[in-house]
Amino acid sequence: MKTMAWWVYLLIAVLIFCQALWIFIDARKRGENAWLWGLLGLLHVPSSLLIYLLVTRRKGKSNSH
């Protein structure tokens, strides 16, 4: 089995970190639990981002009506 190059691992780590950072900043702006969402953003790519977007956007729509 062929091993992946070191830069592939680095790219994946950077993508995960950027996702977690964006979720953290956005959750803080929206008044959500930023630390919880940021930690969840570190665990899964891109499922935690999709879940975050669905939960926070749906929550925002229900509060506006």
N, C-alpha and C. Protein backbone atom coordinates (compact mmCIF):
# COMPACT_ATOMS: atom_id res chain seq x y z
N MET A 1 0.84 -1.18 0.00
CA MET A 1 0.00 0.00 0.00
C MET A 1 0.89 1.24 0.00
N LYS A 2 0.57 2.16 -0.85
CA LYS A 2 1.38 3.37 -0.98
C LYS A 2 0.98 4.38 0.09
N THR A 3 1.97 5.01 0.70
CA THR A 3 1.69 6.01 1.73
C THR A 3 1.52 7.38 1.09
N MET A 4 0.74 8.22 1.76
CA MET A 4 0.52 9.57 1.25
C MET A 4 1.72 10.44 1.57
N ALA A 5 1.93 11.42 0.72
CA ALA A 5 3.01 12.36 0.93
C ALA A 5 2.72 13.23 2.15
N TRP A 6 3.76 13.78 2.76
CA TRP A 6 3.61 14.60 3.96
C TRP A 6 2.76 15.83 3.70
N TRP A 7 2.81 16.37 2.48
CA TRP A 7 2.06 17.59 2.18
C TRP A 7 0.56 17.34 2.14
N VAL A 8 0.15 16.12 1.88
CA VAL A 8 -1.28 15.78 1.89
C VAL A 8 -1.81 15.86 3.33
N TYR A 9 -1.04 15.33 4.26
CA TYR A 9 -1.42 15.42 5.67
C TYR A 9 -1.45 16.87 6.14
N LEU A 10 -0.48 17.65 5.70
CA LEU A 10 -0.43 19.06 6.06
C LEU A 10 -1.65 19.80 5.49
N LEU A 11 -2.01 19.51 4.26
CA LEU A 11 -3.17 20.14 3.64
C LEU A 11 -4.46 19.79 4.39
N ILE A 12 -4.61 18.54 4.76
CA ILE A 12 -5.79 18.12 5.50
C ILE A 12 -5.85 18.82 6.85
N ALA A 13 -4.71 18.92 7.55
CA ALA A 13 -4.67 19.59 8.85
C ALA A 13 -5.03 21.07 8.71
N VAL A 14 -4.55 21.73 7.67
CA VAL A 14 -4.86 23.14 7.45
C VAL A 14 -6.34 23.32 7.15
N LEU A 15 -6.92 22.45 6.34
CA LEU A 15 -8.35 22.53 6.03
C LEU A 15 -9.20 22.33 7.28
N ILE A 16 -8.84 21.36 8.11
CA ILE A 16 -9.59 21.12 9.34
C ILE A 16 -9.50 22.32 10.26
N PHE A 17 -8.31 22.88 10.41
CA PHE A 17 -8.12 24.03 11.28
C PHE A 17 -8.91 25.24 10.76
N CYS A 18 -8.86 25.48 9.46
CA CYS A 18 -9.60 26.62 8.89
C CYS A 18 -11.10 26.45 9.08
N GLN A 19 -11.60 25.24 8.91
CA GLN A 19 -13.02 24.99 9.13
C GLN A 19 -13.39 25.27 10.57
N ALA A 20 -12.61 24.77 11.52
CA ALA A 20 -12.91 24.97 12.93
C ALA A 20 -12.84 26.45 13.30
N LEU A 21 -11.87 27.16 12.75
CA LEU A 21 -11.72 28.57 13.04
C LEU A 21 -12.91 29.36 12.50
N TRP A 22 -13.34 29.07 11.28
CA TRP A 22 -14.48 29.78 10.70
C TRP A 22 -15.74 29.50 11.52
N ILE A 23 -15.96 28.24 11.88
CA ILE A 23 -17.14 27.90 12.68
C ILE A 23 -17.09 28.62 14.02
N PHE A 24 -15.93 28.65 14.66
CA PHE A 24 -15.77 29.32 15.95
C PHE A 24 -16.11 30.80 15.85
N ILE A 25 -15.57 31.47 14.85
CA ILE A 25 -15.80 32.92 14.68
C ILE A 25 -17.26 33.19 14.36
N ASP A 26 -17.85 32.40 13.48
CA ASP A 26 -19.25 32.61 13.11
C ASP A 26 -20.18 32.33 14.29
N ALA A 27 -19.89 31.28 15.05
CA ALA A 27 -20.72 30.96 16.22
C ALA A 27 -20.64 32.08 17.25
N ARG A 28 -19.47 32.65 17.42
CA ARG A 28 -19.31 33.75 18.38
C ARG A 28 -20.14 34.96 17.93
N LYS A 29 -20.14 35.26 16.63
CA LYS A 29 -20.93 36.38 16.11
C LYS A 29 -22.42 36.17 16.31
N ARG A 30 -22.86 34.91 16.22
CA ARG A 30 -24.28 34.59 16.32
C ARG A 30 -24.74 34.33 17.75
N GLY A 31 -23.82 34.39 18.71
CA GLY A 31 -24.19 34.16 20.10
C GLY A 31 -24.35 32.69 20.46
N GLU A 32 -23.79 31.81 19.66
CA GLU A 32 -23.85 30.38 19.94
C GLU A 32 -22.68 30.01 20.86
N ASN A 33 -22.62 28.76 21.26
CA ASN A 33 -21.52 28.25 22.07
C ASN A 33 -20.32 28.04 21.15
N ALA A 34 -19.46 29.05 21.05
CA ALA A 34 -18.37 29.05 20.08
C ALA A 34 -17.36 27.95 20.33
N TRP A 35 -17.02 27.70 21.59
CA TRP A 35 -16.03 26.67 21.89
C TRP A 35 -16.52 25.27 21.51
N LEU A 36 -17.77 25.00 21.79
CA LEU A 36 -18.32 23.69 21.44
C LEU A 36 -18.32 23.50 19.93
N TRP A 37 -18.82 24.49 19.20
CA TRP A 37 -18.86 24.38 17.74
C TRP A 37 -17.47 24.32 17.14
N GLY A 38 -16.54 25.09 17.70
CA GLY A 38 -15.17 25.05 17.20
C GLY A 38 -14.53 23.69 17.40
N LEU A 39 -14.75 23.09 18.57
CA LEU A 39 -14.21 21.75 18.81
C LEU A 39 -14.84 20.71 17.90
N LEU A 40 -16.14 20.84 17.68
CA LEU A 40 -16.80 19.92 16.74
C LEU A 40 -16.26 20.10 15.33
N GLY A 41 -15.88 21.33 15.00
CA GLY A 41 -15.30 21.59 13.69
C GLY A 41 -13.96 20.92 13.49
N LEU A 42 -13.27 20.61 14.58
CA LEU A 42 -11.99 19.91 14.48
C LEU A 42 -12.16 18.40 14.26
N LEU A 43 -13.33 17.89 14.55
CA LEU A 43 -13.52 16.44 14.53
C LEU A 43 -13.84 15.87 13.16
N HIS A 44 -14.68 16.53 12.41
CA HIS A 44 -15.16 15.96 11.15
C HIS A 44 -15.14 17.00 10.05
N VAL A 45 -14.72 16.58 8.88
CA VAL A 45 -14.75 17.45 7.71
C VAL A 45 -15.57 16.73 6.65
N PRO A 46 -16.49 17.31 5.99
CA PRO A 46 -17.16 18.58 6.21
C PRO A 46 -18.46 18.43 6.96
N SER A 47 -18.70 17.24 7.55
CA SER A 47 -20.01 17.01 8.18
C SER A 47 -20.32 17.99 9.30
N SER A 48 -19.33 18.35 10.12
CA SER A 48 -19.62 19.29 11.20
C SER A 48 -19.95 20.68 10.67
N LEU A 49 -19.35 21.05 9.56
CA LEU A 49 -19.67 22.34 8.93
C LEU A 49 -21.11 22.33 8.41
N LEU A 50 -21.50 21.25 7.78
CA LEU A 50 -22.86 21.14 7.26
C LEU A 50 -23.89 21.15 8.40
N ILE A 51 -23.61 20.42 9.46
CA ILE A 51 -24.52 20.40 10.61
C ILE A 51 -24.61 21.78 11.23
N TYR A 52 -23.47 22.45 11.39
CA TYR A 52 -23.48 23.80 11.96
C TYR A 52 -24.33 24.75 11.12
N LEU A 53 -24.14 24.72 9.81
CA LEU A 53 -24.91 25.60 8.94
C LEU A 53 -26.40 25.31 9.01
N LEU A 54 -26.77 24.04 9.04
CA LEU A 54 -28.18 23.69 9.13
C LEU A 54 -28.79 24.12 10.46
N VAL A 55 -28.10 23.88 11.55
CA VAL A 55 -28.64 24.20 12.88
C VAL A 55 -28.74 25.70 13.08
N THR A 56 -27.69 26.43 12.79
CA THR A 56 -27.70 27.87 13.07
C THR A 56 -28.58 28.64 12.10
N ARG A 57 -28.64 28.23 10.87
CA ARG A 57 -29.48 28.95 9.90
C ARG A 57 -30.94 28.67 10.15
N ARG A 58 -31.28 27.46 10.49
CA ARG A 58 -32.68 27.11 10.78
C ARG A 58 -33.12 27.80 12.07
N LYS A 59 -32.24 27.85 13.05
CA LYS A 59 -32.54 28.50 14.32
C LYS A 59 -32.78 30.00 14.09
N GLY A 60 -32.00 30.62 13.22
CA GLY A 60 -32.16 32.03 12.91
C GLY A 60 -33.47 32.32 12.21
N LYS A 61 -33.90 31.43 11.33
CA LYS A 61 -35.18 31.63 10.62
C LYS A 61 -36.36 31.49 11.57
N SER A 62 -36.29 30.55 12.51
CA SER A 62 -37.42 30.36 13.42
C SER A 62 -37.53 31.50 14.41
N ASN A 63 -36.43 32.15 14.75
CA ASN A 63 -36.47 33.29 15.68
C ASN A 63 -36.98 34.56 15.03
N SER A 64 -36.86 34.68 13.71
CA SER A 64 -37.25 35.92 13.04
C SER A 64 -38.75 36.01 12.80
N HIS A 65 -39.49 34.90 12.91
CA HIS A 65 -40.94 34.92 12.67
C HIS A 65 -41.71 34.97 13.94
